[in-house]
């Protein structure tokens, strides 16, 4: 039996069940305790041995991409100010993104 190495996470919905909270930000970015829901999902997948994660997104989901993308300026400033705890948190997020991809949902709204 082959090991599962890839995960596909669909995050393209409008989040209508989470209104009004999902109007301002994607539902996947809503915080639970101290981090977005999507971060918990990715951490669990990585802990289970997943090596590649593909997010299926739609228009208006840039916050998810930004969350997992590296911010070199922020990392530099945290390092300069000796905020190593915060730098470690940022580094863990970046490691989750190390082997991933993005796919935009290209189905037009008229399809629904």
N, C-alpha and C. Protein backbone atom coordinates (compact mmCIF):
# COMPACT_ATOMS: atom_id res chain seq x y z
N UNK A 1 0.84 -1.18 0.00
CA UNK A 1 0.00 0.00 0.00
C UNK A 1 0.89 1.25 0.00
N UNK A 2 0.59 2.18 -0.90
CA UNK A 2 1.37 3.40 -0.99
C UNK A 2 0.94 4.41 0.07
N UNK A 3 1.91 5.16 0.53
CA UNK A 3 1.65 6.21 1.49
C UNK A 3 1.02 7.41 0.78
N UNK A 4 0.05 8.03 1.43
CA UNK A 4 -0.57 9.24 0.88
C UNK A 4 0.37 10.40 1.13
N UNK A 5 0.75 11.10 0.05
CA UNK A 5 1.73 12.18 0.16
C UNK A 5 1.16 13.55 -0.18
N UNK A 6 0.00 13.59 -0.82
CA UNK A 6 -0.59 14.85 -1.25
C UNK A 6 -1.97 15.03 -0.64
N UNK A 7 -2.30 16.29 -0.37
CA UNK A 7 -3.64 16.63 0.12
C UNK A 7 -4.18 17.78 -0.72
N UNK A 8 -5.44 17.71 -1.05
CA UNK A 8 -6.11 18.79 -1.76
C UNK A 8 -7.14 19.37 -0.80
N UNK A 9 -7.02 20.67 -0.55
CA UNK A 9 -7.91 21.34 0.39
C UNK A 9 -8.76 22.34 -0.38
N UNK A 10 -10.07 22.07 -0.52
CA UNK A 10 -10.94 23.02 -1.23
C UNK A 10 -11.32 24.19 -0.32
N UNK A 11 -10.96 25.40 -0.72
CA UNK A 11 -11.26 26.59 0.07
C UNK A 11 -11.89 27.68 -0.80
N UNK A 12 -12.68 27.27 -1.78
CA UNK A 12 -13.20 28.22 -2.76
C UNK A 12 -14.60 28.73 -2.45
N UNK A 13 -15.24 28.24 -1.43
CA UNK A 13 -16.62 28.64 -1.17
C UNK A 13 -16.76 30.07 -0.68
N UNK A 14 -17.98 30.56 -0.66
CA UNK A 14 -18.25 31.93 -0.24
C UNK A 14 -18.42 32.07 1.27
N UNK A 15 -18.61 30.99 1.99
CA UNK A 15 -18.75 31.05 3.44
C UNK A 15 -20.06 31.64 3.90
N UNK A 16 -21.13 31.41 3.15
CA UNK A 16 -22.42 32.02 3.49
C UNK A 16 -22.96 31.56 4.84
N UNK A 17 -22.61 30.37 5.27
CA UNK A 17 -23.08 29.89 6.58
C UNK A 17 -22.37 30.60 7.73
N UNK A 18 -21.27 31.28 7.42
CA UNK A 18 -20.51 31.98 8.45
C UNK A 18 -20.73 33.50 8.41
N UNK A 19 -21.72 33.95 7.63
CA UNK A 19 -22.01 35.38 7.58
C UNK A 19 -22.53 35.83 8.93
N UNK A 20 -22.24 37.01 9.37
CA UNK A 20 -21.53 38.08 8.70
C UNK A 20 -20.01 38.02 8.86
N UNK A 21 -19.50 37.11 9.68
CA UNK A 21 -18.05 37.05 9.92
C UNK A 21 -17.26 36.81 8.64
N UNK A 22 -17.78 35.96 7.75
CA UNK A 22 -17.05 35.61 6.52
C UNK A 22 -17.14 36.68 5.44
N UNK A 23 -17.88 37.73 5.69
CA UNK A 23 -17.95 38.81 4.71
C UNK A 23 -16.65 39.60 4.69
N UNK A 24 -16.02 39.76 5.82
CA UNK A 24 -14.79 40.56 5.94
C UNK A 24 -13.53 39.76 5.63
N UNK A 25 -13.57 38.46 5.86
CA UNK A 25 -12.41 37.62 5.60
C UNK A 25 -12.88 36.21 5.24
N UNK A 26 -12.07 35.46 4.50
CA UNK A 26 -12.46 34.09 4.13
C UNK A 26 -12.70 33.24 5.38
N UNK A 27 -13.68 32.35 5.29
CA UNK A 27 -14.02 31.51 6.45
C UNK A 27 -12.84 30.71 6.96
N UNK A 28 -11.94 30.32 6.07
CA UNK A 28 -10.77 29.53 6.46
C UNK A 28 -9.79 30.33 7.31
N UNK A 29 -9.91 31.66 7.26
CA UNK A 29 -9.02 32.52 8.02
C UNK A 29 -9.61 32.96 9.36
N UNK A 30 -10.82 32.50 9.67
CA UNK A 30 -11.41 32.81 10.97
C UNK A 30 -10.57 32.15 12.06
N UNK A 31 -10.30 32.90 13.11
CA UNK A 31 -9.41 32.41 14.17
C UNK A 31 -10.14 31.48 15.14
N UNK A 32 -9.43 30.43 15.53
CA UNK A 32 -9.85 29.55 16.62
C UNK A 32 -8.70 29.61 17.62
N UNK A 33 -8.96 30.15 18.77
CA UNK A 33 -7.99 30.42 19.82
C UNK A 33 -6.96 31.43 19.31
N UNK A 34 -5.84 30.96 18.73
CA UNK A 34 -4.77 31.89 18.38
C UNK A 34 -4.29 31.81 16.93
N UNK A 35 -4.98 31.04 16.09
CA UNK A 35 -4.56 30.95 14.69
C UNK A 35 -5.76 30.60 13.81
N UNK A 36 -5.62 30.86 12.50
CA UNK A 36 -6.72 30.57 11.58
C UNK A 36 -7.03 29.08 11.47
N UNK A 37 -8.26 28.76 11.17
CA UNK A 37 -8.70 27.37 11.02
C UNK A 37 -7.82 26.63 10.01
N UNK A 38 -7.49 27.28 8.90
CA UNK A 38 -6.70 26.64 7.85
C UNK A 38 -5.32 26.23 8.37
N UNK A 39 -4.78 26.98 9.32
CA UNK A 39 -3.47 26.64 9.88
C UNK A 39 -3.53 25.31 10.63
N UNK A 40 -4.60 25.10 11.39
CA UNK A 40 -4.77 23.82 12.09
C UNK A 40 -4.85 22.67 11.09
N UNK A 41 -5.59 22.86 10.02
CA UNK A 41 -5.76 21.82 9.00
C UNK A 41 -4.42 21.46 8.38
N UNK A 42 -3.65 22.48 8.01
CA UNK A 42 -2.34 22.24 7.38
C UNK A 42 -1.39 21.58 8.36
N UNK A 43 -1.36 22.02 9.60
CA UNK A 43 -0.47 21.42 10.60
C UNK A 43 -0.80 19.94 10.82
N UNK A 44 -2.08 19.61 10.87
CA UNK A 44 -2.49 18.21 11.03
C UNK A 44 -2.07 17.38 9.83
N UNK A 45 -2.23 17.93 8.63
CA UNK A 45 -1.83 17.21 7.42
C UNK A 45 -0.32 16.96 7.41
N UNK A 46 0.45 17.97 7.75
CA UNK A 46 1.91 17.83 7.79
C UNK A 46 2.32 16.81 8.85
N UNK A 47 1.68 16.86 10.02
CA UNK A 47 1.98 15.91 11.09
C UNK A 47 1.64 14.47 10.68
N UNK A 48 0.66 14.31 9.78
CA UNK A 48 0.26 12.98 9.31
C UNK A 48 1.15 12.48 8.18
N UNK A 49 2.13 13.30 7.77
CA UNK A 49 3.06 12.85 6.75
C UNK A 49 2.79 13.37 5.35
N UNK A 50 1.84 14.28 5.22
CA UNK A 50 1.56 14.87 3.91
C UNK A 50 2.74 15.73 3.51
N UNK A 51 3.19 15.56 2.27
CA UNK A 51 4.36 16.28 1.78
C UNK A 51 4.00 17.42 0.83
N UNK A 52 2.84 17.36 0.22
CA UNK A 52 2.42 18.41 -0.71
C UNK A 52 0.95 18.73 -0.49
N UNK A 53 0.66 20.02 -0.36
CA UNK A 53 -0.71 20.46 -0.14
C UNK A 53 -1.10 21.39 -1.27
N UNK A 54 -2.26 21.14 -1.86
CA UNK A 54 -2.77 21.98 -2.93
C UNK A 54 -4.08 22.59 -2.45
N UNK A 55 -4.15 23.92 -2.50
CA UNK A 55 -5.36 24.64 -2.13
C UNK A 55 -6.12 24.98 -3.40
N UNK A 56 -7.41 24.67 -3.44
CA UNK A 56 -8.27 25.08 -4.55
C UNK A 56 -9.01 26.32 -4.06
N UNK A 57 -8.62 27.48 -4.61
CA UNK A 57 -9.16 28.75 -4.14
C UNK A 57 -10.03 29.41 -5.20
N UNK A 58 -10.59 30.53 -4.84
CA UNK A 58 -11.37 31.33 -5.78
C UNK A 58 -11.00 32.79 -5.59
N UNK A 59 -11.63 33.63 -6.37
CA UNK A 59 -11.38 35.07 -6.27
C UNK A 59 -11.68 35.54 -4.85
N UNK A 60 -10.86 36.40 -4.32
CA UNK A 60 -11.09 36.95 -3.00
C UNK A 60 -10.48 36.14 -1.87
N UNK A 61 -9.68 35.15 -2.19
CA UNK A 61 -9.07 34.30 -1.16
C UNK A 61 -7.58 34.59 -1.01
N UNK A 62 -7.16 35.77 -1.36
CA UNK A 62 -5.75 36.15 -1.31
C UNK A 62 -5.20 36.05 0.12
N UNK A 63 -6.02 36.25 1.12
CA UNK A 63 -5.56 36.20 2.51
C UNK A 63 -4.98 34.84 2.86
N UNK A 64 -5.51 33.78 2.28
CA UNK A 64 -5.00 32.44 2.54
C UNK A 64 -3.60 32.30 1.96
N UNK A 65 -3.43 32.76 0.72
CA UNK A 65 -2.11 32.71 0.09
C UNK A 65 -1.11 33.56 0.87
N UNK A 66 -1.53 34.74 1.28
CA UNK A 66 -0.65 35.63 2.04
C UNK A 66 -0.25 35.01 3.37
N UNK A 67 -1.16 34.29 3.99
CA UNK A 67 -0.87 33.68 5.29
C UNK A 67 0.27 32.66 5.18
N UNK A 68 0.28 31.86 4.13
CA UNK A 68 1.29 30.82 4.00
C UNK A 68 2.54 31.27 3.25
N UNK A 69 2.50 32.46 2.66
CA UNK A 69 3.66 32.97 1.93
C UNK A 69 4.66 33.56 2.93
N UNK A 70 5.94 33.51 2.58
CA UNK A 70 6.97 34.09 3.44
C UNK A 70 6.97 35.61 3.31
N UNK A 71 7.22 36.27 4.43
CA UNK A 71 7.34 37.72 4.46
C UNK A 71 8.74 38.03 4.96
N UNK A 72 9.67 38.21 4.03
CA UNK A 72 11.07 38.40 4.38
C UNK A 72 11.30 39.65 5.22
N UNK A 73 10.57 40.72 4.91
CA UNK A 73 10.73 41.96 5.68
C UNK A 73 10.33 41.75 7.13
N UNK A 74 9.21 41.08 7.35
CA UNK A 74 8.76 40.81 8.72
C UNK A 74 9.76 39.93 9.45
N UNK A 75 10.25 38.89 8.80
CA UNK A 75 11.24 38.01 9.42
C UNK A 75 12.50 38.79 9.80
N UNK A 76 12.94 39.67 8.92
CA UNK A 76 14.14 40.47 9.19
C UNK A 76 13.92 41.38 10.40
N UNK A 77 12.77 42.05 10.44
CA UNK A 77 12.50 42.96 11.56
C UNK A 77 12.37 42.22 12.89
N UNK A 78 11.75 41.06 12.87
CA UNK A 78 11.64 40.27 14.10
C UNK A 78 13.02 39.83 14.58
N UNK A 79 13.87 39.45 13.64
CA UNK A 79 15.23 39.03 14.00
C UNK A 79 16.02 40.20 14.57
N UNK A 80 15.91 41.37 13.96
CA UNK A 80 16.63 42.55 14.43
C UNK A 80 16.19 42.95 15.84
N UNK A 81 14.91 42.76 16.13
CA UNK A 81 14.37 43.14 17.44
C UNK A 81 14.44 42.00 18.45
N UNK A 82 15.10 40.92 18.06
CA UNK A 82 15.30 39.75 18.92
C UNK A 82 13.99 39.16 19.44
N UNK A 83 13.00 39.15 18.57
CA UNK A 83 11.70 38.55 18.90
C UNK A 83 11.68 37.14 18.33
N UNK A 84 12.45 36.27 18.96
CA UNK A 84 12.67 34.93 18.43
C UNK A 84 11.45 34.03 18.57
N UNK A 85 10.63 34.25 19.59
CA UNK A 85 9.41 33.45 19.74
C UNK A 85 8.47 33.70 18.56
N UNK A 86 8.27 34.97 18.22
CA UNK A 86 7.41 35.32 17.09
C UNK A 86 8.01 34.83 15.78
N UNK A 87 9.32 34.92 15.67
CA UNK A 87 10.01 34.45 14.46
C UNK A 87 9.83 32.95 14.27
N UNK A 88 9.83 32.20 15.36
CA UNK A 88 9.62 30.75 15.29
C UNK A 88 8.20 30.43 14.79
N UNK A 89 7.22 31.19 15.26
CA UNK A 89 5.84 30.99 14.82
C UNK A 89 5.73 31.25 13.32
N UNK A 90 6.32 32.34 12.86
CA UNK A 90 6.30 32.68 11.43
C UNK A 90 7.03 31.62 10.62
N UNK A 91 8.13 31.11 11.13
CA UNK A 91 8.90 30.08 10.42
C UNK A 91 8.11 28.79 10.26
N UNK A 92 7.35 28.41 11.29
CA UNK A 92 6.54 27.19 11.20
C UNK A 92 5.48 27.32 10.12
N UNK A 93 4.89 28.49 10.00
CA UNK A 93 3.89 28.71 8.95
C UNK A 93 4.53 28.58 7.59
N UNK A 94 5.70 29.16 7.41
CA UNK A 94 6.42 29.09 6.14
C UNK A 94 6.80 27.68 5.77
N UNK A 95 7.16 26.86 6.76
CA UNK A 95 7.53 25.47 6.49
C UNK A 95 6.34 24.67 5.98
N UNK A 96 5.16 24.99 6.44
CA UNK A 96 3.96 24.29 5.96
C UNK A 96 3.72 24.57 4.49
N UNK A 97 4.14 25.73 4.02
CA UNK A 97 3.91 26.13 2.64
C UNK A 97 5.02 25.63 1.72
N UNK A 98 6.10 25.13 2.29
CA UNK A 98 7.30 24.80 1.50
C UNK A 98 7.00 23.98 0.25
N UNK A 99 6.11 23.03 0.35
CA UNK A 99 5.78 22.21 -0.82
C UNK A 99 4.28 22.22 -1.03
N UNK A 100 3.82 23.23 -1.70
CA UNK A 100 2.38 23.35 -1.91
C UNK A 100 2.08 24.01 -3.22
N UNK A 101 0.81 24.20 -3.47
CA UNK A 101 0.42 24.83 -4.71
C UNK A 101 -0.95 25.45 -4.59
N UNK A 102 -1.28 26.22 -5.60
CA UNK A 102 -2.56 26.92 -5.63
C UNK A 102 -3.25 26.63 -6.94
N UNK A 103 -4.53 26.37 -6.88
CA UNK A 103 -5.33 26.18 -8.09
C UNK A 103 -6.56 27.06 -7.95
N UNK A 104 -6.79 27.90 -8.92
CA UNK A 104 -7.96 28.78 -8.90
C UNK A 104 -9.15 28.05 -9.50
N UNK A 105 -10.27 28.19 -8.83
CA UNK A 105 -11.52 27.62 -9.34
C UNK A 105 -11.95 28.47 -10.53
N UNK A 106 -11.99 27.87 -11.71
CA UNK A 106 -12.29 28.64 -12.91
C UNK A 106 -13.75 28.50 -13.36
N UNK A 107 -14.58 27.87 -12.57
CA UNK A 107 -15.99 27.72 -12.94
C UNK A 107 -16.67 29.07 -12.77
N UNK A 108 -17.38 29.49 -13.78
CA UNK A 108 -18.03 30.80 -13.71
C UNK A 108 -19.21 30.75 -12.75
N UNK A 109 -19.59 31.91 -12.24
CA UNK A 109 -20.70 31.98 -11.31
C UNK A 109 -22.02 31.57 -11.96
N UNK A 110 -22.12 31.68 -13.27
CA UNK A 110 -23.35 31.29 -13.95
C UNK A 110 -23.58 29.78 -13.89
N UNK A 111 -22.54 29.04 -13.56
CA UNK A 111 -22.64 27.59 -13.43
C UNK A 111 -23.56 27.21 -12.28
N UNK A 112 -23.54 28.00 -11.21
CA UNK A 112 -24.34 27.70 -10.03
C UNK A 112 -25.74 28.03 -10.33
